[in-house]
Amino acid sequence: MYKIIIDAMGGDNAPKAIIDGTVAALHEYEDIFVYLVGKEEVIREHLAGQNYDKERVEIVDAREEIEMAEPPVAAVRTKKDSSMVVGMRMATEGKGDIFITAGSTGAAVAGGTLVIRRAPGVLRPALAPILPSAGGGVLLIDCGANVDCKPAYLQQFAVMGSIYMRLIMGIENPRVGLINNGAEEEKGNALTKEAYQLLKQADINFVGNAEGRDILSGDFDVVVADGFTGNVLMKFMEGCASFLFAEIKEAMMSTTRTKIGALLAKPAFTDLKKKLDYTEYGGSLLLGTKAGLIKSHGSSNAKAIVSAIRQGREFAQMGVVAKIQEELAKLNEKTVQAE
């Protein structure tokens, strides 16, 4: 039985969307046990009348909540009875296989470092979402946990991302690219030039630099960046997708002829929208911590929570935390020998 710890109070649509998604996941996966963390009376109110296996749910009372606008580090340190911190502490104590929250990203990252803590040998944990691409999906690592990076961090990000895509996505030899402003080896700034050399030395399938226009081409399974670059890229993509869909909708509704065309093309647009829908992909994993942590989108609906629970179940099933520690230990040993 896989034990999933869920922050019931985190996110724009909490607690209803979180609880509805949890109930749906309990129906879909019979091998999961769920801890719902938050104000007990609120959780019970939303569970009332729902059909679910009560033997596979436990409510853990937590009286505080971390708001989106709060300073992340201060919130994690002072709100020890918040649903996020209590849930993370449970994960650290081994009471669950993974912790899921749709709450503040900053607090989730801070808590991952301060409460769950880095796994042995990990220099910095990294946020890693799956982005839709021509190849079905590409892992972006890091997308915001570390705005200032050293080359060695990027090397570890590449190793962790490669492990995840191999174990969870079933890609035998994931192609890893380094986000840069040119395809040539000598391109980039001091960070990417040095990181390029380190990625060449790692035991991964490093295929070179990934220019912005090629990230979603299907030529890469993992793309590596410092958190500043990765976060800008991800948010630009979200904005670009929203803009394009709005413009297409306006153009299609502009005349009678285009409305007819839109009706005929509706199945194709539905398929495209599904491919670009974040709710299909789960959340961003914080790779490199002692216990699993998934940061779901702040506006997650019930469907997104089901996807995050599926993702967490697979993460636990494949033993990703232990595998990352094993591979990084080999990398660190190799680095020491080279020195």
Foldseek 3Di string as FASTA:
>chain_A
DAEEEEACAAFPPHNQQLLLLVQVLVVVDVPYAYEYEEAVVVSCVNCPPDDGDPVRYHYHYAYDADAQPDQQLVCLVPRCSHRLNVSLLCQLVVVGQAYEHQHHPSNLLNCLCVRLRFDPLQPGWAWWFWAQAPQGTAIETHAASFQDDALVNQLLSQVLLQLCCCQQVVDPAFEEAEEFQDFDQPGHDPRSNVNQVSNVVAPHNYPTHAYLVCRRHSPGRYYTDGNNVNNVSVVVVVVVVVVVVVVLVCVLPPDPVSVVVCVVCVVVVVVVCVSRDLLQGAAIWRPRGQHTYGHHHSNDGSSNSSNNVVVSVSCSVRVSNVVSSVSSVVVVVVVVVVD
